[in-house]
N, C-alpha and C. Protein backbone atom coordinates (compact mmCIF):
# COMPACT_ATOMS: atom_id res chain seq x y z
N MET A 1 189.88 4.69 52.38
CA MET A 1 190.75 3.53 52.54
C MET A 1 190.13 2.38 52.08
N THR A 2 190.76 1.35 51.46
CA THR A 2 189.86 0.43 51.16
C THR A 2 190.54 -0.66 52.27
N THR A 3 189.73 -1.85 52.49
CA THR A 3 189.88 -3.12 53.20
C THR A 3 190.91 -3.98 52.54
N PRO A 4 191.91 -4.11 52.96
CA PRO A 4 192.81 -5.64 51.97
C PRO A 4 191.79 -6.61 52.56
N PRO A 5 192.13 -7.52 51.05
CA PRO A 5 190.94 -8.70 50.68
C PRO A 5 191.49 -9.39 51.96
N SER A 6 192.46 -9.79 52.42
CA SER A 6 193.12 -10.79 53.88
C SER A 6 192.15 -10.12 54.69
N GLN A 7 191.76 -9.15 55.06
CA GLN A 7 191.09 -8.96 56.08
C GLN A 7 189.45 -9.16 55.90
N LYS A 8 188.98 -9.04 54.86
CA LYS A 8 187.86 -9.02 54.54
C LYS A 8 187.67 -10.99 54.39
N THR A 9 188.38 -11.51 54.30
CA THR A 9 188.19 -12.95 54.27
C THR A 9 188.30 -13.58 55.61
N GLY A 10 189.44 -12.63 56.60
CA GLY A 10 189.09 -13.18 57.77
C GLY A 10 187.68 -12.71 58.42
N ALA A 11 187.44 -11.64 58.25
CA ALA A 11 186.05 -11.28 58.82
C ALA A 11 184.92 -11.98 58.42
N ALA A 12 185.11 -12.58 57.18
CA ALA A 12 183.66 -13.58 56.85
C ALA A 12 184.28 -15.01 57.53
N GLY A 13 185.60 -15.29 57.69
CA GLY A 13 185.57 -16.61 58.19
C GLY A 13 185.08 -16.52 59.62
N GLN A 14 185.24 -15.75 60.26
CA GLN A 14 184.94 -15.24 61.56
C GLN A 14 183.27 -15.57 61.85
N ARG A 15 182.63 -14.73 60.99
CA ARG A 15 181.04 -14.83 60.95
C ARG A 15 180.91 -16.44 60.63
N GLY A 16 181.81 -17.11 59.89
CA GLY A 16 181.38 -18.24 59.28
C GLY A 16 181.54 -19.44 60.95
N TYR A 17 182.16 -19.29 61.65
CA TYR A 17 182.89 -20.20 62.60
C TYR A 17 181.69 -19.62 63.47
N ALA A 18 181.41 -18.45 63.82
CA ALA A 18 180.30 -17.86 64.77
C ALA A 18 179.06 -18.68 64.27
N LEU A 19 178.52 -18.78 63.06
CA LEU A 19 177.28 -19.32 62.78
C LEU A 19 177.31 -21.00 63.14
N ILE A 20 178.24 -21.42 62.57
CA ILE A 20 178.45 -22.93 62.99
C ILE A 20 178.41 -22.78 64.28
N ALA A 21 179.09 -22.16 65.25
CA ALA A 21 179.03 -22.44 66.49
C ALA A 21 177.98 -22.23 67.22
N LEU A 22 176.91 -21.39 66.79
CA LEU A 22 175.73 -21.28 66.80
C LEU A 22 174.54 -22.20 66.55
N LEU A 23 175.02 -22.84 65.42
CA LEU A 23 174.06 -23.71 64.79
C LEU A 23 174.49 -25.28 65.82
N ALA A 24 175.47 -25.16 66.22
CA ALA A 24 175.89 -26.20 67.04
C ALA A 24 175.24 -26.41 68.59
N LEU A 25 175.26 -25.03 68.97
CA LEU A 25 174.89 -25.07 70.56
C LEU A 25 173.21 -25.26 70.38
N MET A 26 172.48 -24.65 69.24
CA MET A 26 170.94 -24.83 69.19
C MET A 26 170.84 -26.37 68.97
N THR A 27 171.60 -26.99 68.44
CA THR A 27 171.52 -28.29 68.21
C THR A 27 171.58 -29.30 69.54
N VAL A 28 172.98 -28.69 70.25
CA VAL A 28 172.75 -29.42 71.78
C VAL A 28 172.00 -29.26 72.62
N LEU A 29 171.13 -27.78 72.13
CA LEU A 29 170.02 -27.60 73.03
C LEU A 29 168.95 -28.34 72.78
N MET A 30 168.76 -28.76 71.19
CA MET A 30 167.42 -29.13 70.96
C MET A 30 167.37 -30.81 71.36
N ILE A 31 168.98 -31.21 71.40
CA ILE A 31 168.81 -32.74 71.95
C ILE A 31 168.86 -32.80 72.97
N THR A 32 168.71 -31.97 74.04
CA THR A 32 168.54 -32.01 75.48
C THR A 32 167.35 -31.94 75.67
N MET A 33 166.45 -30.72 75.07
CA MET A 33 165.42 -30.70 75.57
C MET A 33 164.75 -31.99 74.85
N MET A 34 164.90 -32.45 73.72
CA MET A 34 164.34 -33.79 73.46
C MET A 34 164.79 -34.91 74.35
N ALA A 35 165.62 -35.02 74.74
CA ALA A 35 165.78 -36.04 75.86
C ALA A 35 165.22 -36.06 77.16
N ALA A 36 165.07 -34.95 77.52
CA ALA A 36 164.38 -34.33 78.69
C ALA A 36 162.76 -34.67 78.78
N ALA A 37 162.49 -34.20 77.80
CA ALA A 37 160.90 -34.25 77.28
C ALA A 37 160.08 -35.42 77.88
N PRO A 38 160.90 -36.84 77.93
CA PRO A 38 159.83 -37.77 78.13
C PRO A 38 159.78 -38.02 79.99
N SER A 39 161.05 -37.41 80.34
CA SER A 39 161.31 -37.52 81.64
C SER A 39 160.24 -36.47 82.59
N LEU A 40 159.83 -35.17 81.53
CA LEU A 40 159.23 -34.27 82.16
C LEU A 40 157.88 -34.68 82.39
N ARG A 41 157.62 -35.32 81.03
CA ARG A 41 155.81 -35.94 81.02
C ARG A 41 155.83 -37.33 81.81
N HIS A 42 156.84 -37.82 82.39
CA HIS A 42 156.75 -38.89 83.18
C HIS A 42 156.61 -38.51 84.47
N GLN A 43 157.12 -37.63 84.83
CA GLN A 43 157.09 -36.81 86.22
C GLN A 43 155.87 -35.73 86.34
N SER A 44 155.24 -35.20 85.19
CA SER A 44 153.60 -34.58 85.49
C SER A 44 152.89 -35.49 85.74
N ARG A 45 152.86 -36.45 84.79
CA ARG A 45 151.88 -37.50 84.99
C ARG A 45 151.81 -38.70 86.20
N ARG A 46 153.53 -38.45 86.92
CA ARG A 46 153.30 -38.81 88.49
C ARG A 46 152.61 -38.25 89.49
N ASN A 47 153.22 -36.72 89.08
CA ASN A 47 152.45 -35.66 90.02
C ASN A 47 150.61 -35.74 89.86
N LEU A 48 150.11 -35.86 88.78
CA LEU A 48 148.70 -36.28 88.93
C LEU A 48 148.22 -37.23 89.13
N GLU A 49 148.96 -38.55 89.49
CA GLU A 49 148.19 -39.51 89.95
C GLU A 49 148.39 -39.35 91.30
N LEU A 50 149.27 -38.70 91.56
CA LEU A 50 149.40 -38.53 93.39
C LEU A 50 148.16 -37.26 93.78
N GLU A 51 148.14 -36.62 93.10
CA GLU A 51 147.16 -35.76 93.27
C GLU A 51 145.74 -36.48 93.49
N ALA A 52 145.33 -37.49 92.40
CA ALA A 52 144.23 -38.16 92.08
C ALA A 52 144.06 -39.12 93.44
N ILE A 53 145.27 -39.65 94.15
CA ILE A 53 145.28 -40.52 95.31
C ILE A 53 144.98 -39.89 96.37
N ALA A 54 145.11 -38.65 96.35
CA ALA A 54 145.02 -37.52 97.75
C ALA A 54 143.90 -37.03 97.11
N ARG A 55 143.24 -36.78 96.43
CA ARG A 55 141.67 -36.51 96.10
C ARG A 55 140.61 -37.60 96.31
N GLY A 56 141.02 -38.92 96.08
CA GLY A 56 140.21 -40.24 96.16
C GLY A 56 140.39 -40.20 97.64
N GLU A 57 141.12 -40.18 98.37
CA GLU A 57 141.33 -40.16 99.70
C GLU A 57 140.54 -39.15 100.74
N GLU A 58 140.39 -38.24 100.05
CA GLU A 58 139.46 -37.05 100.65
C GLU A 58 138.24 -37.74 100.30
N VAL A 59 137.76 -37.97 99.10
CA VAL A 59 136.36 -38.77 98.97
C VAL A 59 135.93 -39.90 99.78
N ALA A 60 136.95 -40.58 99.69
CA ALA A 60 136.89 -41.64 101.24
C ALA A 60 136.59 -41.38 102.57
N GLU A 61 137.45 -40.27 102.91
CA GLU A 61 136.89 -39.75 104.18
C GLU A 61 135.69 -38.99 104.14
N ALA A 62 135.20 -38.28 103.15
CA ALA A 62 134.02 -37.41 103.18
C ALA A 62 132.72 -38.66 103.53
N ILE A 63 133.09 -40.06 102.74
CA ILE A 63 131.98 -40.98 102.92
C ILE A 63 132.18 -41.25 104.39
N ARG A 64 133.36 -41.49 105.16
CA ARG A 64 133.12 -41.86 106.77
C ARG A 64 132.41 -40.79 107.51
N MET A 65 132.52 -39.36 107.15
CA MET A 65 132.06 -38.28 107.76
C MET A 65 130.96 -38.33 107.47
N TYR A 66 130.06 -38.37 106.33
CA TYR A 66 128.94 -38.49 106.01
C TYR A 66 128.09 -39.62 106.73
N VAL A 67 128.57 -40.72 106.87
CA VAL A 67 127.94 -41.71 107.47
C VAL A 67 127.82 -41.13 108.81
N ARG A 68 128.95 -41.09 109.67
CA ARG A 68 129.26 -40.47 111.34
C ARG A 68 128.06 -39.50 111.39
N LEU A 69 127.78 -38.28 110.31
CA LEU A 69 126.96 -37.45 110.65
C LEU A 69 125.63 -37.28 110.65
N HIS A 70 125.20 -38.81 109.63
CA HIS A 70 123.85 -38.54 109.27
C HIS A 70 122.92 -39.25 110.10
N PRO A 71 121.78 -38.87 110.58
CA PRO A 71 121.05 -39.22 111.76
C PRO A 71 120.69 -40.71 111.62
N THR A 72 120.50 -41.20 110.35
CA THR A 72 120.48 -42.85 110.44
C THR A 72 121.52 -43.63 110.11
N ARG A 73 122.77 -43.08 109.89
CA ARG A 73 123.99 -43.83 109.55
C ARG A 73 124.25 -43.96 108.26
N GLN A 74 123.42 -43.55 107.33
CA GLN A 74 123.37 -44.47 105.87
C GLN A 74 124.66 -43.74 105.12
N LEU A 75 124.67 -44.45 103.90
CA LEU A 75 125.67 -43.76 102.76
C LEU A 75 125.38 -42.97 101.80
N PRO A 76 126.06 -42.15 101.19
CA PRO A 76 125.57 -41.31 100.58
C PRO A 76 125.28 -42.05 99.13
N THR A 77 124.41 -41.51 98.69
CA THR A 77 123.76 -41.91 97.25
C THR A 77 124.20 -40.87 95.80
N SER A 78 125.01 -39.86 95.91
CA SER A 78 125.34 -39.13 94.85
C SER A 78 126.64 -38.45 95.33
N MET A 79 127.74 -37.78 94.41
CA MET A 79 128.77 -36.76 94.91
C MET A 79 127.87 -35.55 95.18
N ASP A 80 126.35 -35.20 94.58
CA ASP A 80 126.04 -33.97 94.87
C ASP A 80 125.94 -33.74 96.15
N GLU A 81 125.42 -35.18 96.93
CA GLU A 81 124.95 -35.17 98.33
C GLU A 81 126.36 -34.67 99.14
N LEU A 82 127.65 -35.44 98.74
CA LEU A 82 128.96 -35.19 99.61
C LEU A 82 128.97 -33.57 99.37
N LEU A 83 128.55 -33.17 98.26
CA LEU A 83 129.45 -31.73 98.09
C LEU A 83 128.22 -30.71 98.92
N GLU A 84 126.72 -31.35 99.02
CA GLU A 84 126.16 -30.54 99.35
C GLU A 84 126.16 -30.16 101.02
N GLY A 85 126.86 -31.76 102.12
CA GLY A 85 127.24 -32.10 103.29
C GLY A 85 125.76 -32.46 103.57
N VAL A 86 125.80 -32.98 105.07
CA VAL A 86 124.67 -33.80 105.77
C VAL A 86 124.58 -32.71 107.07
N SER A 87 123.18 -33.06 107.50
CA SER A 87 122.57 -32.24 108.44
C SER A 87 122.42 -33.15 109.76
N PRO A 88 123.46 -33.05 110.64
CA PRO A 88 123.32 -34.02 111.61
C PRO A 88 121.97 -33.82 112.49
N ALA A 89 122.20 -35.11 113.30
CA ALA A 89 120.62 -34.87 114.48
C ALA A 89 120.75 -33.55 115.28
N GLY A 90 119.48 -32.70 115.35
CA GLY A 90 119.72 -31.96 116.30
C GLY A 90 119.99 -30.58 115.61
N ARG A 91 120.48 -30.60 114.22
CA ARG A 91 120.83 -29.46 113.64
C ARG A 91 120.17 -29.14 112.34
N THR A 92 120.05 -28.07 111.97
CA THR A 92 119.74 -27.66 110.76
C THR A 92 120.50 -27.36 109.69
N LYS A 93 121.58 -26.82 110.16
CA LYS A 93 122.87 -26.32 109.39
C LYS A 93 123.33 -27.68 108.99
N LYS A 94 124.00 -27.43 107.58
CA LYS A 94 124.93 -28.91 106.81
C LYS A 94 126.05 -28.54 107.29
N VAL A 95 126.51 -29.62 107.41
CA VAL A 95 127.99 -29.62 107.67
C VAL A 95 128.79 -30.02 106.71
N LYS A 96 129.49 -29.10 105.95
CA LYS A 96 130.56 -30.02 104.75
C LYS A 96 131.49 -30.71 104.76
N VAL A 97 131.41 -31.76 104.06
CA VAL A 97 132.44 -33.09 104.31
C VAL A 97 133.41 -33.05 102.87
N LEU A 98 133.33 -32.18 101.85
CA LEU A 98 134.16 -32.55 100.92
C LEU A 98 134.17 -31.19 100.16
N ARG A 99 135.44 -31.17 99.69
CA ARG A 99 135.97 -30.02 99.06
C ARG A 99 135.27 -30.26 97.46
N ALA A 100 135.00 -29.04 96.70
CA ALA A 100 134.82 -29.03 95.29
C ALA A 100 135.83 -29.68 94.47
N SER A 101 136.96 -29.24 94.90
CA SER A 101 138.20 -29.76 94.03
C SER A 101 138.32 -31.40 94.20
N ALA A 102 138.16 -31.92 95.48
CA ALA A 102 138.40 -33.55 95.55
C ALA A 102 137.36 -33.93 94.87
N ALA A 103 136.12 -33.68 94.64
CA ALA A 103 135.27 -33.91 93.60
C ALA A 103 135.42 -34.18 92.21
N ARG A 104 136.47 -34.06 91.62
CA ARG A 104 136.57 -34.22 90.32
C ARG A 104 137.96 -35.36 90.51
N ASP A 105 137.85 -36.01 89.61
CA ASP A 105 138.84 -37.11 89.18
C ASP A 105 140.16 -36.53 88.22
N PRO A 106 140.97 -36.15 88.60
CA PRO A 106 142.28 -35.21 87.83
C PRO A 106 142.82 -36.03 86.69
N LEU A 107 142.69 -37.46 86.79
CA LEU A 107 143.19 -38.28 85.57
C LEU A 107 142.00 -38.75 84.53
N SER A 108 140.99 -38.56 84.77
CA SER A 108 139.74 -38.64 83.75
C SER A 108 139.32 -37.15 82.64
N GLU A 109 139.07 -37.47 81.47
CA GLU A 109 138.75 -36.54 80.89
C GLU A 109 137.61 -35.78 81.22
N SER A 110 136.77 -36.65 81.50
CA SER A 110 135.51 -35.94 82.27
C SER A 110 135.37 -35.22 83.56
N GLY A 111 136.59 -35.40 84.16
CA GLY A 111 136.47 -35.35 85.59
C GLY A 111 136.00 -35.80 86.47
N GLU A 112 134.71 -36.92 86.26
CA GLU A 112 133.93 -37.51 87.24
C GLU A 112 134.30 -38.66 87.81
N TRP A 113 134.15 -38.85 88.79
CA TRP A 113 134.46 -40.05 89.64
C TRP A 113 133.43 -40.98 88.91
N ARG A 114 133.69 -42.31 89.36
CA ARG A 114 133.01 -43.35 88.99
C ARG A 114 132.43 -43.85 90.57
N THR A 115 131.34 -43.79 90.76
CA THR A 115 130.79 -44.09 92.21
C THR A 115 130.65 -45.95 92.09
N ILE A 116 131.45 -46.43 93.18
CA ILE A 116 131.39 -47.82 93.45
C ILE A 116 130.26 -48.31 94.59
N LYS A 117 129.85 -49.53 94.22
CA LYS A 117 128.71 -49.82 95.04
C LYS A 117 129.24 -51.50 95.36
N PRO A 118 128.47 -51.62 96.46
CA PRO A 118 129.23 -52.90 97.51
C PRO A 118 129.64 -54.28 96.63
N ARG A 119 128.56 -54.30 95.51
CA ARG A 119 128.63 -55.70 94.79
C ARG A 119 129.29 -55.40 93.06
N ASP A 120 129.27 -54.42 92.81
CA ASP A 120 130.65 -54.09 91.82
C ASP A 120 131.50 -54.82 91.66
N GLN A 121 131.68 -55.15 90.36
CA GLN A 121 133.02 -56.00 90.04
C GLN A 121 133.92 -55.22 90.14
N ALA A 122 134.24 -53.89 90.34
CA ALA A 122 135.44 -53.22 90.51
C ALA A 122 135.58 -52.96 91.87
N PHE A 123 134.33 -53.36 92.99
CA PHE A 123 134.68 -53.24 94.28
C PHE A 123 135.60 -54.89 94.67
N VAL A 124 134.94 -55.49 93.96
CA VAL A 124 135.39 -57.36 94.11
C VAL A 124 136.62 -57.17 93.89
N ARG A 125 137.31 -56.53 92.50
CA ARG A 125 138.32 -56.78 92.15
C ARG A 125 139.63 -55.98 93.21
N PHE A 126 139.15 -55.10 93.68
CA PHE A 126 139.75 -54.22 94.22
C PHE A 126 139.89 -55.23 95.79
N LEU A 127 139.66 -55.92 96.34
CA LEU A 127 139.42 -56.73 97.39
C LEU A 127 140.19 -57.74 96.89
N ARG A 128 140.22 -58.31 95.95
CA ARG A 128 141.30 -59.27 95.62
C ARG A 128 142.26 -58.83 95.39
N ASP A 129 142.80 -57.54 94.91
CA ASP A 129 143.94 -57.00 94.67
C ASP A 129 144.59 -56.50 96.33
N LEU A 130 143.57 -56.06 97.04
CA LEU A 130 144.15 -55.77 98.42
C LEU A 130 144.46 -57.28 99.26
N ALA A 131 143.95 -58.32 98.75
CA ALA A 131 144.62 -59.81 99.39
C ALA A 131 145.87 -59.79 98.92
N GLU A 132 145.83 -59.85 97.67
CA GLU A 132 147.39 -60.22 96.91
C GLU A 132 148.16 -59.33 97.43
N TYR A 133 147.89 -57.89 97.96
CA TYR A 133 148.90 -56.79 98.04
C TYR A 133 149.18 -57.74 99.81
N ALA A 134 148.25 -57.87 100.34
CA ALA A 134 148.23 -58.47 101.82
C ALA A 134 149.12 -60.17 101.65
N GLU A 135 149.46 -60.28 100.43
CA GLU A 135 149.98 -61.64 100.55
C GLU A 135 148.99 -62.60 100.80
N ASN A 136 147.89 -62.51 100.32
CA ASN A 136 146.78 -63.49 100.53
C ASN A 136 145.94 -63.61 102.09
N ARG A 137 146.60 -62.57 103.25
CA ARG A 137 146.19 -62.68 104.25
C ARG A 137 144.94 -61.97 104.07
N PRO A 138 143.83 -62.37 105.43
CA PRO A 138 142.33 -61.88 105.03
C PRO A 138 142.69 -60.32 105.27
N VAL A 139 141.75 -59.57 104.49
CA VAL A 139 141.56 -58.31 104.46
C VAL A 139 140.46 -57.25 105.43
N PRO A 140 141.29 -56.87 106.48
CA PRO A 140 140.52 -56.48 107.10
C PRO A 140 139.22 -55.42 107.08
N LYS A 141 138.14 -55.05 107.49
CA LYS A 141 137.41 -54.33 107.56
C LYS A 141 137.81 -52.94 108.39
N THR A 142 137.17 -51.91 108.10
CA THR A 142 137.01 -50.68 108.81
C THR A 142 136.73 -51.41 110.75
N THR A 143 137.07 -50.40 111.67
CA THR A 143 137.00 -50.73 112.60
C THR A 143 136.20 -49.31 113.54
N ASP A 144 136.03 -48.65 112.29
CA ASP A 144 135.79 -47.07 112.83
C ASP A 144 134.03 -47.55 113.32
N PRO A 145 133.97 -47.04 114.38
CA PRO A 145 132.32 -47.14 114.85
C PRO A 145 131.37 -46.64 114.21
N ALA A 146 131.74 -45.60 113.36
CA ALA A 146 130.34 -44.96 112.27
C ALA A 146 130.32 -46.00 111.46
N LEU A 147 131.38 -47.02 111.09
CA LEU A 147 130.86 -47.55 109.61
C LEU A 147 130.94 -48.96 109.98
N THR A 148 131.26 -49.51 111.35
CA THR A 148 131.10 -50.98 111.48
C THR A 148 129.78 -51.58 111.20
N GLN A 149 128.69 -50.59 111.50
CA GLN A 149 127.37 -51.65 110.87
C GLN A 149 127.26 -51.82 109.67
N ILE A 150 127.55 -50.72 108.97
CA ILE A 150 127.49 -50.89 107.57
C ILE A 150 128.60 -52.16 106.84
N ALA A 151 129.80 -52.13 107.55
CA ALA A 151 130.80 -52.81 107.06
C ALA A 151 130.35 -54.54 107.42
N THR A 152 129.44 -54.71 108.03
CA THR A 152 129.22 -55.96 108.71
C THR A 152 128.57 -56.53 107.14
N THR A 153 127.67 -55.69 106.62
CA THR A 153 126.51 -56.00 105.52
C THR A 153 127.51 -55.93 104.12
N LEU A 154 128.78 -55.59 103.92
CA LEU A 154 129.44 -55.40 102.61
C LEU A 154 129.59 -56.85 102.49
N PRO A 155 129.91 -57.49 101.18
CA PRO A 155 130.18 -58.80 100.73
C PRO A 155 131.62 -59.14 100.90
N GLU A 156 131.68 -60.37 101.33
CA GLU A 156 133.08 -60.88 101.49
C GLU A 156 133.63 -61.57 100.33
N LEU A 157 134.96 -61.45 100.02
CA LEU A 157 135.81 -61.63 98.89
C LEU A 157 135.32 -63.04 98.19
N THR A 158 135.53 -63.91 99.35
CA THR A 158 135.62 -65.67 98.99
C THR A 158 134.26 -65.82 98.50
N SER A 159 133.04 -65.25 98.84
CA SER A 159 131.83 -65.14 98.11
C SER A 159 131.42 -64.34 97.12
N LEU A 160 132.37 -64.05 96.18
CA LEU A 160 131.97 -63.09 95.42
C LEU A 160 133.15 -63.41 93.89
N ILE A 161 133.85 -63.67 94.32
CA ILE A 161 135.18 -63.86 93.52
C ILE A 161 134.85 -65.25 92.55
N THR A 162 133.67 -66.21 92.65
CA THR A 162 133.55 -66.63 91.36
C THR A 162 133.26 -66.25 90.32
N GLY A 163 134.01 -66.40 88.93
CA GLY A 163 133.89 -65.85 87.58
C GLY A 163 134.33 -64.61 87.66
N LEU A 164 135.34 -64.15 88.47
CA LEU A 164 135.67 -63.06 88.28
C LEU A 164 137.14 -63.21 87.50
N GLY A 165 137.31 -62.66 86.41
CA GLY A 165 138.59 -63.14 85.61
C GLY A 165 139.81 -62.52 86.23
N SER A 166 141.14 -63.25 86.17
CA SER A 166 142.07 -63.11 86.81
C SER A 166 143.02 -61.98 85.73
N GLY A 167 143.80 -61.56 85.93
CA GLY A 167 144.69 -60.45 85.38
C GLY A 167 144.18 -59.38 84.87
N GLU A 168 144.61 -58.67 83.74
CA GLU A 168 143.88 -58.03 83.12
C GLU A 168 143.65 -57.85 81.68
N ARG A 169 143.54 -59.26 81.30
CA ARG A 169 143.73 -58.83 79.69
C ARG A 169 142.26 -58.71 79.64
N GLY A 170 142.17 -57.89 78.53
CA GLY A 170 140.74 -57.34 77.88
C GLY A 170 140.35 -56.24 78.55
N GLU A 171 141.27 -55.61 79.75
CA GLU A 171 140.65 -54.24 80.46
C GLU A 171 140.81 -53.12 79.52
N ASN A 172 139.82 -52.21 79.36
CA ASN A 172 139.88 -51.36 78.69
C ASN A 172 140.89 -50.32 78.94
N GLU A 173 141.67 -49.71 78.20
CA GLU A 173 142.85 -48.55 78.33
C GLU A 173 142.24 -47.55 78.23
N GLY A 174 140.78 -47.30 77.87
CA GLY A 174 140.56 -45.82 77.37
C GLY A 174 139.76 -45.32 78.76
N GLU A 175 138.66 -44.39 78.23
CA GLU A 175 137.74 -43.87 79.44
C GLU A 175 136.69 -44.54 79.30
N ASP A 176 136.13 -44.72 80.67
CA ASP A 176 134.86 -45.16 80.78
C ASP A 176 133.95 -44.05 81.18
N THR A 177 133.00 -44.48 79.90
CA THR A 177 132.08 -43.21 79.95
C THR A 177 130.57 -43.78 80.41
N SER A 178 130.50 -44.56 80.88
CA SER A 178 129.31 -45.35 81.26
C SER A 178 128.62 -44.33 82.47
N MET A 179 127.17 -44.37 82.82
CA MET A 179 127.01 -43.84 83.77
C MET A 179 126.92 -44.33 85.25
N SER A 180 127.50 -43.89 86.06
CA SER A 180 127.16 -44.28 87.61
C SER A 180 126.00 -44.88 87.88
N SER A 181 125.84 -46.12 88.41
CA SER A 181 124.53 -46.55 88.81
C SER A 181 123.73 -45.72 89.86
N SER A 182 122.80 -45.52 90.07
CA SER A 182 121.93 -44.96 91.17
C SER A 182 121.99 -45.86 92.69
N GLY A 183 122.03 -44.98 93.42
CA GLY A 183 122.11 -45.70 94.61
C GLY A 183 123.31 -45.61 95.62
N GLN A 184 123.37 -46.06 96.93
CA GLN A 184 124.30 -45.81 97.81
C GLN A 184 125.69 -46.30 97.32
N PHE A 185 126.62 -45.98 97.78
CA PHE A 185 128.25 -46.19 97.25
C PHE A 185 129.07 -46.16 98.26
N VAL A 186 129.92 -47.25 98.28
CA VAL A 186 130.78 -47.59 99.18
C VAL A 186 132.49 -46.88 98.81
N GLY A 187 132.75 -45.98 97.83
CA GLY A 187 133.98 -45.69 97.41
C GLY A 187 133.60 -44.89 95.65
N VAL A 188 134.72 -44.40 95.38
CA VAL A 188 135.13 -43.92 94.00
C VAL A 188 136.12 -44.41 93.49
N ALA A 189 136.22 -44.54 92.05
CA ALA A 189 137.47 -45.20 91.12
C ALA A 189 137.44 -44.14 90.11
N SER A 190 138.76 -44.09 89.27
CA SER A 190 138.66 -43.10 88.23
C SER A 190 138.33 -43.93 87.17
N ARG A 191 137.82 -42.76 86.10
CA ARG A 191 137.28 -43.36 84.71
C ARG A 191 138.48 -43.63 83.84
N SER A 192 139.50 -43.39 84.06
CA SER A 192 140.87 -43.97 82.87
C SER A 192 141.18 -44.94 83.37
N GLY A 193 141.37 -46.01 82.34
CA GLY A 193 141.75 -47.15 82.25
C GLY A 193 143.21 -47.40 82.00
N ARG A 194 144.10 -46.48 82.20
CA ARG A 194 145.30 -46.31 81.74
C ARG A 194 146.03 -47.37 82.65
N ARG A 195 147.25 -47.72 82.33
CA ARG A 195 148.37 -48.10 83.57
C ARG A 195 148.63 -46.97 84.23
N SER A 196 149.24 -47.24 85.22
CA SER A 196 149.66 -46.22 86.06
C SER A 196 151.55 -46.34 86.39
N ILE A 197 152.16 -45.30 86.86
CA ILE A 197 153.24 -45.04 87.26
C ILE A 197 153.44 -45.52 88.54
N VAL A 198 152.49 -44.44 89.45
CA VAL A 198 152.59 -44.74 91.05
C VAL A 198 151.34 -46.36 91.12
N THR A 199 151.75 -46.55 92.36
CA THR A 199 151.26 -48.02 92.65
C THR A 199 150.21 -47.73 93.67
N TYR A 200 149.08 -48.11 93.74
CA TYR A 200 148.08 -47.96 95.02
C TYR A 200 147.65 -49.54 95.59
N TYR A 201 148.19 -49.70 96.55
CA TYR A 201 148.31 -50.86 97.15
C TYR A 201 148.75 -51.99 96.25
N GLY A 202 149.60 -51.89 95.66
CA GLY A 202 150.11 -52.46 94.42
C GLY A 202 149.53 -52.68 93.24
N ILE A 203 148.62 -51.56 92.96
CA ILE A 203 147.71 -51.73 92.10
C ILE A 203 148.42 -50.78 90.74
N GLU A 204 148.27 -51.27 89.31
CA GLU A 204 149.10 -50.26 88.55
C GLU A 204 148.31 -49.89 87.57
N ARG A 205 146.77 -49.71 87.63
CA ARG A 205 145.51 -49.28 87.03
C ARG A 205 144.72 -48.45 87.44
N HIS A 206 144.50 -47.55 86.90
CA HIS A 206 143.84 -46.06 87.47
C HIS A 206 142.40 -46.54 87.94
N SER A 207 141.63 -47.52 87.20
CA SER A 207 140.53 -48.01 87.03
C SER A 207 140.08 -48.62 88.20
N ARG A 208 141.46 -49.19 88.96
CA ARG A 208 141.27 -50.38 90.06
C ARG A 208 141.56 -49.71 90.97
N TRP A 209 142.17 -48.46 91.19
CA TRP A 209 142.12 -47.69 92.40
C TRP A 209 140.67 -47.56 92.99
N VAL A 210 140.02 -47.94 94.19
CA VAL A 210 138.99 -47.88 94.62
C VAL A 210 139.47 -47.32 95.74
N PHE A 211 138.55 -45.60 96.17
CA PHE A 211 139.11 -45.25 97.37
C PHE A 211 137.90 -45.64 98.27
N THR A 212 137.46 -45.95 99.35
CA THR A 212 136.79 -46.09 100.33
C THR A 212 137.27 -46.17 101.40
N PRO A 213 136.40 -45.97 102.55
CA PRO A 213 136.75 -45.73 103.97
C PRO A 213 136.80 -47.07 104.59
N PHE A 214 135.94 -48.24 104.12
CA PHE A 214 135.92 -49.49 104.65
C PHE A 214 137.08 -50.53 104.67
N TYR A 215 138.19 -49.84 103.66
CA TYR A 215 138.91 -51.13 103.42
C TYR A 215 140.48 -50.07 103.20
N ARG A 216 141.12 -49.44 104.12
CA ARG A 216 142.18 -48.77 104.14
C ARG A 216 143.46 -48.69 104.90
């Protein structure tokens, strides 16, 4: 028995409508995914920045613990020293002060934190940013007994700000690949020079976030 031409035409039309509906659905899904992609990237980067702040704060706390437990109350000279821990007076076993995951910067390609010395321009700029965040009120140093002696030797913003450029003109948006200078350090900063989504004390650039126990 042969199918009447009218039924063949109807079946073909239904298949055509189904194909058009499928294409329309795929188009809507594609547009929705394209619209959602920037939001997803934004949220992913925001989460990464929050993770960087959490890890940076861990490093700052590790520096504080290192100084407090060190027999001579001195600052660390490398990230490896923080990872290895410190031997308090009267003890031979080292006390761990920093997790390995916190020793990695999630914002930089290398994963290495940049160590910040007391007279580094990055540290001076951070002090200025803090002063601006505090509406130009004096930025108090830590009162932690373990850090107060060292804190008295840290430079004052007013004595170092001469010659420090204002604003962010000419700042590198890329990765800082320079070697961290040797010697004792008071904090760490990201090697990423990108503008941030999250602000840290009002600062909107990764490389200008200095994580230190001396100003928190």
